[in-house]
N, C-alpha and C. Protein backbone atom coordinates (compact mmCIF):
# COMPACT_ATOMS: atom_id res chain seq x y z
N MET A 1 106.67 121.83 136.78
CA MET A 1 106.62 122.42 135.45
C MET A 1 106.61 121.32 134.38
N ALA A 2 107.40 120.28 134.61
CA ALA A 2 107.45 119.17 133.66
C ALA A 2 106.08 118.49 133.58
N TYR A 3 105.38 118.39 134.72
CA TYR A 3 104.07 117.75 134.75
C TYR A 3 103.07 118.53 133.89
N ARG A 4 103.10 119.86 134.02
CA ARG A 4 102.21 120.69 133.23
C ARG A 4 102.50 120.55 131.74
N ALA A 5 103.78 120.47 131.40
CA ALA A 5 104.15 120.32 129.99
C ALA A 5 103.62 119.00 129.45
N THR A 6 103.72 117.95 130.28
CA THR A 6 103.20 116.65 129.87
C THR A 6 101.70 116.71 129.66
N GLN A 7 100.99 117.39 130.53
CA GLN A 7 99.55 117.53 130.40
C GLN A 7 99.19 118.28 129.11
N ARG A 8 99.94 119.32 128.82
CA ARG A 8 99.69 120.10 127.59
C ARG A 8 99.97 119.25 126.37
N THR A 9 101.05 118.49 126.43
CA THR A 9 101.39 117.62 125.29
C THR A 9 100.30 116.59 125.04
N ARG A 10 99.81 116.01 126.12
CA ARG A 10 98.75 115.02 125.99
C ARG A 10 97.48 115.66 125.42
N ALA A 11 97.14 116.83 125.91
CA ALA A 11 95.94 117.52 125.44
C ALA A 11 96.07 117.86 123.96
N ASN A 12 97.26 118.30 123.54
CA ASN A 12 97.48 118.63 122.13
C ASN A 12 97.35 117.40 121.24
N ALA A 13 97.91 116.29 121.73
CA ALA A 13 97.83 115.05 120.96
C ALA A 13 96.39 114.58 120.83
N GLU A 14 95.63 114.68 121.91
CA GLU A 14 94.22 114.28 121.86
C GLU A 14 93.44 115.17 120.92
N ALA A 15 93.76 116.46 120.90
CA ALA A 15 93.07 117.39 120.00
C ALA A 15 93.40 117.09 118.55
N ARG A 16 94.66 116.76 118.27
CA ARG A 16 95.04 116.42 116.89
C ARG A 16 94.37 115.13 116.44
N ARG A 17 94.33 114.14 117.34
CA ARG A 17 93.67 112.87 117.01
C ARG A 17 92.18 113.10 116.73
N ALA A 18 91.54 113.88 117.58
CA ALA A 18 90.12 114.17 117.40
C ALA A 18 89.88 114.91 116.09
N GLY A 19 90.82 115.80 115.73
CA GLY A 19 90.69 116.53 114.48
C GLY A 19 90.77 115.61 113.27
N ILE A 20 91.63 114.61 113.35
CA ILE A 20 91.76 113.64 112.26
C ILE A 20 90.48 112.80 112.16
N GLU A 21 89.96 112.38 113.29
CA GLU A 21 88.71 111.60 113.28
C GLU A 21 87.57 112.42 112.69
N ARG A 22 87.50 113.69 113.08
CA ARG A 22 86.45 114.58 112.56
C ARG A 22 86.60 114.76 111.06
N ALA A 23 87.84 114.92 110.60
CA ALA A 23 88.09 115.08 109.17
C ALA A 23 87.67 113.82 108.41
N ALA A 24 87.97 112.66 108.95
CA ALA A 24 87.58 111.41 108.30
C ALA A 24 86.06 111.30 108.20
N ARG A 25 85.35 111.71 109.25
CA ARG A 25 83.87 111.67 109.21
C ARG A 25 83.35 112.57 108.10
N HIS A 26 83.94 113.75 107.95
CA HIS A 26 83.50 114.67 106.90
C HIS A 26 83.73 114.09 105.52
N VAL A 27 84.88 113.48 105.32
CA VAL A 27 85.20 112.88 104.02
C VAL A 27 84.22 111.75 103.71
N ILE A 28 83.96 110.90 104.70
CA ILE A 28 83.04 109.78 104.51
C ILE A 28 81.62 110.27 104.23
N ALA A 29 81.19 111.30 104.95
CA ALA A 29 79.84 111.83 104.75
C ALA A 29 79.66 112.39 103.35
N ARG A 30 80.73 112.86 102.74
CA ARG A 30 80.63 113.41 101.38
C ARG A 30 80.75 112.35 100.31
N GLY A 31 81.67 111.38 100.51
CA GLY A 31 81.96 110.44 99.44
C GLY A 31 82.03 108.99 99.82
N GLY A 32 81.65 108.65 101.06
CA GLY A 32 81.68 107.27 101.48
C GLY A 32 83.06 106.81 101.92
N PHE A 33 83.14 105.58 102.36
CA PHE A 33 84.40 105.04 102.86
C PHE A 33 85.45 104.91 101.75
N ALA A 34 84.99 104.65 100.54
CA ALA A 34 85.94 104.49 99.43
C ALA A 34 86.75 105.75 99.19
N SER A 35 86.15 106.91 99.49
CA SER A 35 86.85 108.18 99.26
C SER A 35 87.79 108.54 100.40
N ALA A 36 87.69 107.83 101.51
CA ALA A 36 88.44 108.21 102.71
C ALA A 36 89.82 107.55 102.74
N ASN A 37 90.64 107.86 101.73
CA ASN A 37 92.03 107.40 101.80
C ASN A 37 92.81 108.35 102.70
N VAL A 38 94.00 107.95 103.05
CA VAL A 38 94.79 108.73 104.00
C VAL A 38 95.08 110.12 103.46
N ALA A 39 95.37 110.23 102.17
CA ALA A 39 95.68 111.53 101.58
C ALA A 39 94.49 112.47 101.69
N ALA A 40 93.28 111.97 101.41
CA ALA A 40 92.08 112.82 101.46
C ALA A 40 91.80 113.27 102.89
N VAL A 41 91.98 112.38 103.84
CA VAL A 41 91.75 112.74 105.24
C VAL A 41 92.79 113.75 105.70
N ALA A 42 94.02 113.58 105.25
CA ALA A 42 95.08 114.53 105.63
C ALA A 42 94.77 115.93 105.12
N VAL A 43 94.28 116.01 103.89
CA VAL A 43 93.91 117.32 103.33
C VAL A 43 92.79 117.95 104.15
N GLU A 44 91.79 117.14 104.47
CA GLU A 44 90.65 117.64 105.24
C GLU A 44 91.08 118.08 106.65
N ALA A 45 92.03 117.35 107.23
CA ALA A 45 92.49 117.65 108.58
C ALA A 45 93.60 118.70 108.61
N ASP A 46 94.05 119.10 107.41
CA ASP A 46 95.14 120.07 107.28
C ASP A 46 96.39 119.58 108.02
N CYS A 47 96.76 118.33 107.72
CA CYS A 47 97.97 117.76 108.32
C CYS A 47 98.63 116.87 107.27
N SER A 48 99.78 116.35 107.59
CA SER A 48 100.47 115.46 106.66
C SER A 48 99.93 114.04 106.81
N ALA A 49 100.10 113.23 105.78
CA ALA A 49 99.70 111.83 105.86
C ALA A 49 100.47 111.12 106.97
N GLY A 50 101.72 111.49 107.14
CA GLY A 50 102.53 110.89 108.19
C GLY A 50 101.96 111.15 109.57
N SER A 51 101.36 112.32 109.76
CA SER A 51 100.76 112.65 111.07
C SER A 51 99.64 111.68 111.41
N ILE A 52 98.90 111.26 110.41
CA ILE A 52 97.79 110.33 110.66
C ILE A 52 98.33 109.01 111.21
N TYR A 53 99.45 108.55 110.65
CA TYR A 53 100.02 107.29 111.11
C TYR A 53 100.65 107.42 112.50
N THR A 54 100.80 108.63 112.98
CA THR A 54 101.27 108.83 114.35
C THR A 54 100.19 108.40 115.35
N TYR A 55 98.92 108.58 114.94
CA TYR A 55 97.80 108.32 115.85
C TYR A 55 97.02 107.05 115.52
N PHE A 56 97.17 106.56 114.30
CA PHE A 56 96.45 105.36 113.88
C PHE A 56 97.41 104.44 113.15
N SER A 57 97.37 103.16 113.46
CA SER A 57 98.33 102.24 112.87
C SER A 57 98.14 102.08 111.37
N ASN A 58 96.90 102.22 110.90
CA ASN A 58 96.63 102.12 109.47
C ASN A 58 95.27 102.74 109.15
N ARG A 59 94.95 102.80 107.89
CA ARG A 59 93.68 103.39 107.45
C ARG A 59 92.48 102.64 108.01
N ASP A 60 92.56 101.32 108.01
CA ASP A 60 91.42 100.54 108.48
C ASP A 60 91.10 100.83 109.94
N GLU A 61 92.11 101.04 110.74
CA GLU A 61 91.87 101.36 112.15
C GLU A 61 91.12 102.68 112.28
N LEU A 62 91.53 103.67 111.50
CA LEU A 62 90.86 104.97 111.53
C LEU A 62 89.41 104.83 111.09
N LEU A 63 89.18 104.13 109.99
CA LEU A 63 87.82 103.97 109.48
C LEU A 63 86.95 103.18 110.45
N ARG A 64 87.52 102.17 111.08
CA ARG A 64 86.76 101.38 112.05
C ARG A 64 86.31 102.24 113.21
N LEU A 65 87.22 103.07 113.70
CA LEU A 65 86.88 103.94 114.83
C LEU A 65 85.81 104.95 114.44
N VAL A 66 85.94 105.55 113.27
CA VAL A 66 84.96 106.53 112.83
C VAL A 66 83.59 105.88 112.65
N PHE A 67 83.58 104.68 112.07
CA PHE A 67 82.32 103.95 111.92
C PHE A 67 81.70 103.68 113.28
N ALA A 68 82.50 103.19 114.21
CA ALA A 68 81.99 102.84 115.54
C ALA A 68 81.38 104.06 116.24
N GLN A 69 82.02 105.21 116.09
CA GLN A 69 81.50 106.42 116.71
C GLN A 69 80.17 106.84 116.09
N ALA A 70 80.11 106.84 114.75
CA ALA A 70 78.87 107.23 114.06
C ALA A 70 77.76 106.22 114.35
N ALA A 71 78.11 104.95 114.33
CA ALA A 71 77.12 103.89 114.59
C ALA A 71 76.60 103.98 116.02
N GLY A 72 77.48 104.26 116.96
CA GLY A 72 77.07 104.37 118.35
C GLY A 72 76.06 105.48 118.54
N HIS A 73 76.26 106.59 117.83
CA HIS A 73 75.32 107.70 117.92
C HIS A 73 73.96 107.30 117.36
N GLU A 74 73.95 106.65 116.19
CA GLU A 74 72.68 106.24 115.59
C GLU A 74 71.96 105.22 116.46
N LEU A 75 72.71 104.31 117.05
CA LEU A 75 72.10 103.32 117.94
C LEU A 75 71.47 103.99 119.16
N ASP A 76 72.15 104.98 119.71
CA ASP A 76 71.61 105.71 120.87
C ASP A 76 70.29 106.40 120.51
N VAL A 77 70.21 106.93 119.29
CA VAL A 77 68.97 107.60 118.86
C VAL A 77 67.81 106.60 118.81
N ILE A 78 68.04 105.44 118.21
CA ILE A 78 66.98 104.43 118.14
C ILE A 78 66.62 103.92 119.53
N ALA A 79 67.62 103.70 120.38
CA ALA A 79 67.37 103.23 121.74
C ALA A 79 66.50 104.23 122.50
N GLY A 80 66.80 105.50 122.36
CA GLY A 80 66.01 106.53 123.03
C GLY A 80 64.59 106.58 122.49
N THR A 81 64.45 106.36 121.19
CA THR A 81 63.14 106.41 120.56
C THR A 81 62.24 105.28 121.04
N VAL A 82 62.74 104.05 121.00
CA VAL A 82 61.89 102.91 121.39
C VAL A 82 61.65 102.87 122.90
N ALA A 83 62.52 103.48 123.66
CA ALA A 83 62.33 103.50 125.12
C ALA A 83 61.09 104.29 125.50
N GLU A 84 60.67 105.22 124.64
CA GLU A 84 59.51 106.05 124.93
C GLU A 84 58.20 105.39 124.49
N ALA A 85 58.29 104.30 123.72
CA ALA A 85 57.09 103.64 123.20
C ALA A 85 56.44 102.78 124.27
N SER A 86 55.11 102.70 124.22
CA SER A 86 54.39 101.92 125.23
C SER A 86 53.68 100.71 124.66
N THR A 87 53.69 100.55 123.34
CA THR A 87 53.09 99.37 122.70
C THR A 87 54.01 98.88 121.59
N ALA A 88 53.81 97.64 121.16
CA ALA A 88 54.59 97.10 120.05
C ALA A 88 54.36 97.92 118.79
N SER A 89 53.13 98.36 118.60
CA SER A 89 52.81 99.18 117.43
C SER A 89 53.61 100.47 117.43
N GLU A 90 53.72 101.11 118.60
CA GLU A 90 54.48 102.35 118.70
C GLU A 90 55.97 102.10 118.46
N ILE A 91 56.47 100.96 118.90
CA ILE A 91 57.88 100.62 118.67
C ILE A 91 58.15 100.50 117.18
N ALA A 92 57.27 99.77 116.48
CA ALA A 92 57.43 99.60 115.04
C ALA A 92 57.36 100.95 114.33
N GLU A 93 56.37 101.74 114.68
CA GLU A 93 56.17 103.02 114.01
C GLU A 93 57.33 103.97 114.26
N SER A 94 57.76 104.08 115.51
CA SER A 94 58.84 105.03 115.83
C SER A 94 60.16 104.60 115.22
N THR A 95 60.41 103.29 115.19
CA THR A 95 61.64 102.79 114.57
C THR A 95 61.68 103.15 113.09
N VAL A 96 60.60 102.88 112.39
CA VAL A 96 60.54 103.20 110.96
C VAL A 96 60.70 104.69 110.73
N GLU A 97 59.94 105.48 111.45
CA GLU A 97 59.96 106.94 111.26
C GLU A 97 61.36 107.50 111.45
N VAL A 98 61.98 107.16 112.57
CA VAL A 98 63.29 107.73 112.89
C VAL A 98 64.37 107.18 111.96
N PHE A 99 64.36 105.89 111.75
CA PHE A 99 65.39 105.26 110.93
C PHE A 99 65.36 105.79 109.50
N VAL A 100 64.21 105.76 108.89
CA VAL A 100 64.11 106.18 107.49
C VAL A 100 64.40 107.66 107.33
N ARG A 101 63.81 108.48 108.16
CA ARG A 101 63.98 109.94 107.99
C ARG A 101 65.41 110.37 108.28
N ARG A 102 66.05 109.77 109.25
CA ARG A 102 67.46 110.10 109.50
C ARG A 102 68.35 109.62 108.36
N ALA A 103 68.05 108.44 107.83
CA ALA A 103 68.85 107.91 106.73
C ALA A 103 68.74 108.80 105.50
N VAL A 104 67.55 109.25 105.20
CA VAL A 104 67.35 110.09 104.02
C VAL A 104 67.99 111.46 104.22
N ALA A 105 67.91 111.98 105.43
CA ALA A 105 68.50 113.30 105.72
C ALA A 105 70.01 113.27 105.58
N GLY A 106 70.63 112.17 105.96
CA GLY A 106 72.09 112.02 105.82
C GLY A 106 72.37 110.89 104.85
N ARG A 107 71.86 111.02 103.65
CA ARG A 107 71.79 109.91 102.69
C ARG A 107 73.16 109.29 102.40
N ARG A 108 74.16 110.09 102.14
CA ARG A 108 75.48 109.54 101.78
C ARG A 108 76.11 108.83 102.95
N LEU A 109 76.01 109.40 104.12
CA LEU A 109 76.58 108.76 105.31
C LEU A 109 75.81 107.48 105.64
N ALA A 110 74.49 107.53 105.52
CA ALA A 110 73.69 106.34 105.80
C ALA A 110 74.05 105.19 104.86
N HIS A 111 74.26 105.52 103.59
CA HIS A 111 74.67 104.49 102.64
C HIS A 111 76.01 103.89 103.05
N ALA A 112 76.93 104.75 103.47
CA ALA A 112 78.25 104.26 103.89
C ALA A 112 78.12 103.36 105.12
N LEU A 113 77.29 103.74 106.08
CA LEU A 113 77.16 102.97 107.30
C LEU A 113 76.44 101.64 107.08
N LEU A 114 75.46 101.63 106.20
CA LEU A 114 74.61 100.46 106.07
C LEU A 114 74.94 99.54 104.90
N LEU A 115 75.44 100.11 103.80
CA LEU A 115 75.46 99.34 102.56
C LEU A 115 76.79 99.29 101.82
N GLU A 116 77.62 100.27 101.99
CA GLU A 116 78.84 100.33 101.18
C GLU A 116 79.79 99.17 101.50
N GLU A 117 80.49 98.70 100.48
CA GLU A 117 81.53 97.70 100.71
C GLU A 117 82.64 98.33 101.54
N VAL A 118 83.04 97.66 102.61
CA VAL A 118 84.00 98.24 103.55
C VAL A 118 85.05 97.20 103.94
N PRO A 119 86.19 97.66 104.48
CA PRO A 119 87.21 96.71 104.97
C PRO A 119 86.65 95.84 106.10
N GLU A 120 87.26 94.71 106.30
CA GLU A 120 86.78 93.74 107.29
C GLU A 120 86.62 94.33 108.70
N PRO A 121 87.58 95.14 109.19
CA PRO A 121 87.38 95.70 110.54
C PRO A 121 86.13 96.57 110.63
N VAL A 122 85.81 97.28 109.55
CA VAL A 122 84.61 98.11 109.54
C VAL A 122 83.37 97.22 109.45
N GLN A 123 83.44 96.17 108.65
CA GLN A 123 82.32 95.24 108.55
C GLN A 123 81.99 94.61 109.90
N SER A 124 82.99 94.34 110.69
CA SER A 124 82.75 93.80 112.03
C SER A 124 81.96 94.78 112.88
N GLU A 125 82.28 96.06 112.75
CA GLU A 125 81.53 97.09 113.48
C GLU A 125 80.11 97.20 112.95
N ARG A 126 79.94 97.01 111.65
CA ARG A 126 78.59 97.06 111.05
C ARG A 126 77.73 95.94 111.63
N LEU A 127 78.28 94.74 111.75
CA LEU A 127 77.53 93.64 112.34
C LEU A 127 77.19 93.94 113.80
N ARG A 128 78.12 94.57 114.49
CA ARG A 128 77.87 94.96 115.88
C ARG A 128 76.71 95.96 115.95
N LEU A 129 76.66 96.87 114.97
CA LEU A 129 75.58 97.86 114.93
C LEU A 129 74.24 97.17 114.70
N ARG A 130 74.18 96.25 113.73
CA ARG A 130 72.93 95.56 113.46
C ARG A 130 72.46 94.76 114.68
N ARG A 131 73.39 94.12 115.35
CA ARG A 131 73.02 93.38 116.56
C ARG A 131 72.55 94.34 117.66
N GLY A 132 73.15 95.52 117.68
CA GLY A 132 72.73 96.52 118.65
C GLY A 132 71.30 96.98 118.39
N TYR A 133 70.96 97.22 117.13
CA TYR A 133 69.59 97.59 116.79
C TYR A 133 68.62 96.49 117.23
N VAL A 134 68.97 95.25 116.93
CA VAL A 134 68.11 94.13 117.30
C VAL A 134 67.94 94.07 118.82
N ALA A 135 69.02 94.29 119.55
CA ALA A 135 68.97 94.21 121.01
C ALA A 135 68.06 95.27 121.61
N VAL A 136 68.21 96.53 121.17
CA VAL A 136 67.41 97.59 121.79
C VAL A 136 65.93 97.48 121.39
N ILE A 137 65.66 97.09 120.14
CA ILE A 137 64.27 96.93 119.72
C ILE A 137 63.65 95.71 120.40
N GLY A 138 64.43 94.62 120.46
CA GLY A 138 63.94 93.41 121.12
C GLY A 138 63.65 93.64 122.60
N THR A 139 64.52 94.38 123.26
CA THR A 139 64.30 94.69 124.68
C THR A 139 63.03 95.51 124.87
N ALA A 140 62.81 96.47 123.97
CA ALA A 140 61.61 97.29 124.05
C ALA A 140 60.36 96.44 123.82
N LEU A 141 60.41 95.51 122.87
CA LEU A 141 59.26 94.64 122.61
C LEU A 141 58.99 93.73 123.80
N ASP A 142 60.04 93.22 124.42
CA ASP A 142 59.87 92.41 125.63
C ASP A 142 59.20 93.22 126.73
N ARG A 143 59.60 94.46 126.83
CA ARG A 143 59.05 95.33 127.90
C ARG A 143 57.56 95.56 127.74
N VAL A 144 57.11 95.83 126.52
CA VAL A 144 55.70 96.16 126.33
C VAL A 144 54.83 94.91 126.17
N GLY A 145 55.43 93.81 125.69
CA GLY A 145 54.68 92.57 125.53
C GLY A 145 53.58 92.68 124.49
N GLY A 146 52.72 91.68 124.47
CA GLY A 146 51.54 91.73 123.61
C GLY A 146 51.70 91.15 122.22
N THR A 147 52.86 90.59 121.89
CA THR A 147 53.03 89.99 120.57
C THR A 147 53.23 88.48 120.71
N GLN A 148 52.82 87.76 119.68
CA GLN A 148 52.96 86.30 119.68
C GLN A 148 54.32 85.85 119.15
N ILE A 149 55.04 86.77 118.53
CA ILE A 149 56.34 86.46 117.92
C ILE A 149 57.44 86.72 118.94
N PRO A 150 58.44 85.84 119.06
CA PRO A 150 59.56 86.12 119.96
C PRO A 150 60.18 87.48 119.65
N ALA A 151 60.49 88.24 120.69
CA ALA A 151 60.95 89.62 120.51
C ALA A 151 62.17 89.73 119.61
N GLU A 152 63.12 88.81 119.76
CA GLU A 152 64.33 88.90 118.94
C GLU A 152 64.02 88.67 117.47
N VAL A 153 63.13 87.71 117.18
CA VAL A 153 62.75 87.45 115.79
C VAL A 153 62.05 88.67 115.21
N ALA A 154 61.15 89.27 115.97
CA ALA A 154 60.44 90.46 115.51
C ALA A 154 61.40 91.61 115.28
N ALA A 155 62.34 91.78 116.20
CA ALA A 155 63.30 92.88 116.07
C ALA A 155 64.17 92.70 114.84
N ARG A 156 64.64 91.48 114.59
CA ARG A 156 65.45 91.23 113.40
C ARG A 156 64.64 91.48 112.13
N SER A 157 63.38 91.14 112.16
CA SER A 157 62.52 91.35 111.01
C SER A 157 62.33 92.84 110.72
N ILE A 158 62.16 93.62 111.76
CA ILE A 158 62.00 95.07 111.57
C ILE A 158 63.28 95.68 111.01
N VAL A 159 64.42 95.33 111.60
CA VAL A 159 65.70 95.88 111.14
C VAL A 159 65.96 95.47 109.69
N GLY A 160 65.73 94.21 109.38
CA GLY A 160 65.96 93.74 108.02
C GLY A 160 65.03 94.37 107.01
N CYS A 161 63.78 94.50 107.39
CA CYS A 161 62.77 95.09 106.50
C CYS A 161 63.12 96.53 106.17
N VAL A 162 63.42 97.31 107.18
CA VAL A 162 63.75 98.72 106.95
C VAL A 162 65.03 98.85 106.13
N GLY A 163 66.05 98.10 106.51
CA GLY A 163 67.33 98.17 105.80
C GLY A 163 67.22 97.81 104.34
N GLU A 164 66.51 96.74 104.05
CA GLU A 164 66.37 96.28 102.66
C GLU A 164 65.62 97.31 101.82
N ASN A 165 64.65 97.97 102.41
CA ASN A 165 63.86 98.95 101.67
C ASN A 165 64.57 100.29 101.51
N LEU A 166 65.73 100.42 102.11
CA LEU A 166 66.54 101.63 101.94
C LEU A 166 67.62 101.47 100.88
N VAL A 167 67.81 100.27 100.37
CA VAL A 167 68.91 100.02 99.43
C VAL A 167 68.86 100.97 98.25
N ASP A 168 67.74 101.04 97.55
CA ASP A 168 67.65 101.90 96.37
C ASP A 168 67.51 103.37 96.75
N ILE A 169 66.80 103.63 97.84
CA ILE A 169 66.60 105.01 98.28
C ILE A 169 67.93 105.70 98.59
N LEU A 170 68.87 104.93 99.14
CA LEU A 170 70.16 105.51 99.55
C LEU A 170 71.24 105.41 98.48
N ASP A 171 70.95 104.76 97.38
CA ASP A 171 71.94 104.58 96.31
C ASP A 171 72.47 105.94 95.85
N PRO A 172 73.76 106.23 96.06
CA PRO A 172 74.29 107.55 95.72
C PRO A 172 74.36 107.82 94.21
N THR A 173 74.17 106.79 93.40
CA THR A 173 74.20 106.99 91.94
C THR A 173 72.84 107.40 91.39
N THR A 174 71.82 107.45 92.25
CA THR A 174 70.48 107.83 91.82
C THR A 174 70.10 109.19 92.40
N ALA A 175 69.05 109.77 91.83
CA ALA A 175 68.58 111.07 92.30
C ALA A 175 68.00 110.95 93.70
N ASN A 176 68.01 112.06 94.43
CA ASN A 176 67.41 112.07 95.75
C ASN A 176 65.92 111.75 95.65
N PRO A 177 65.40 110.94 96.56
CA PRO A 177 63.97 110.63 96.53
C PRO A 177 63.15 111.87 96.84
N SER A 178 61.96 111.95 96.26
CA SER A 178 61.08 113.08 96.51
C SER A 178 60.43 112.93 97.88
N PRO A 179 59.93 114.02 98.45
CA PRO A 179 59.21 113.92 99.73
C PRO A 179 58.04 112.95 99.65
N ALA A 180 57.35 112.93 98.51
CA ALA A 180 56.21 112.02 98.36
C ALA A 180 56.67 110.56 98.40
N GLU A 181 57.81 110.27 97.79
CA GLU A 181 58.35 108.91 97.81
C GLU A 181 58.69 108.48 99.22
N ILE A 182 59.26 109.40 99.99
CA ILE A 182 59.63 109.07 101.37
C ILE A 182 58.38 108.83 102.21
N GLU A 183 57.37 109.67 102.05
CA GLU A 183 56.14 109.49 102.82
C GLU A 183 55.48 108.16 102.48
N THR A 184 55.48 107.81 101.21
CA THR A 184 54.89 106.54 100.79
C THR A 184 55.64 105.36 101.40
N LEU A 185 56.97 105.44 101.39
CA LEU A 185 57.78 104.37 101.96
C LEU A 185 57.55 104.24 103.46
N VAL A 186 57.56 105.36 104.16
CA VAL A 186 57.37 105.33 105.61
C VAL A 186 56.01 104.72 105.95
N LYS A 187 54.98 105.17 105.26
CA LYS A 187 53.64 104.65 105.53
C LYS A 187 53.56 103.15 105.27
N ALA A 188 54.13 102.70 104.14
CA ALA A 188 54.09 101.28 103.80
C ALA A 188 54.85 100.44 104.82
N LEU A 189 56.03 100.92 105.25
CA LEU A 189 56.82 100.16 106.22
C LEU A 189 56.14 100.10 107.59
N ILE A 190 55.51 101.18 107.99
CA ILE A 190 54.78 101.17 109.26
C ILE A 190 53.64 100.16 109.20
N THR A 191 52.90 100.19 108.11
CA THR A 191 51.79 99.25 107.94
C THR A 191 52.28 97.81 107.98
N PHE A 192 53.37 97.55 107.26
CA PHE A 192 53.89 96.19 107.18
C PHE A 192 54.42 95.71 108.52
N THR A 193 55.24 96.52 109.18
CA THR A 193 55.84 96.08 110.44
C THR A 193 54.80 95.92 111.54
N ARG A 194 53.81 96.79 111.58
CA ARG A 194 52.74 96.64 112.58
C ARG A 194 51.95 95.37 112.31
N SER A 195 51.67 95.12 111.04
CA SER A 195 50.93 93.90 110.69
C SER A 195 51.72 92.65 111.05
N ALA A 196 53.03 92.69 110.79
CA ALA A 196 53.87 91.54 111.11
C ALA A 196 53.89 91.23 112.60
N LEU A 197 53.71 92.29 113.40
CA LEU A 197 53.68 92.12 114.85
C LEU A 197 52.30 91.74 115.36
N GLY A 198 51.32 91.67 114.44
CA GLY A 198 49.95 91.36 114.85
C GLY A 198 49.24 92.54 115.44
N GLU A 199 49.74 93.75 115.10
CA GLU A 199 49.15 94.98 115.62
C GLU A 199 48.24 95.59 114.56
N PRO A 200 47.19 96.30 114.96
CA PRO A 200 46.29 96.94 113.99
C PRO A 200 46.93 98.15 113.33
């Protein structure tokens, strides 16, 4: 009987922790990392601020974990996308299409993940995410071959090019971009990245 009680206690604790993480993601998606103070997360999770410190040593730990989870999902999406490509041109095109359209669809969260000023533990995860993008794109380019540029250099160029061109598009202080603006950006980035790879 004691064993079952322990199992229930553990399950309840895991559910409460997951609820806090989910609440933090919702707060960040609405207002970025700056809005995700402990009080705001507690309100969203319908718990006390003290309860949060039961599961996380501090705010930065919670934010780092939430970032890592969101970043891991986005990285998996890009990895799956480039894995289906059979040429360098297709890798460039699919990366731009998926990256830009997902970022615009979740504009506030994308800004938080890519551009917002964050605590050092979160910044470390951001660098890990960028290196992850470079790794999966570079691996895909190595697989298909056909470019004169080293795969890692090409992958870093694609990631940097797309990220830099999203700075103003994702700025939460500006109006949402129009569909025409997004189409123009996607087309221009595809043309540029394919050209940089020596692809038609």
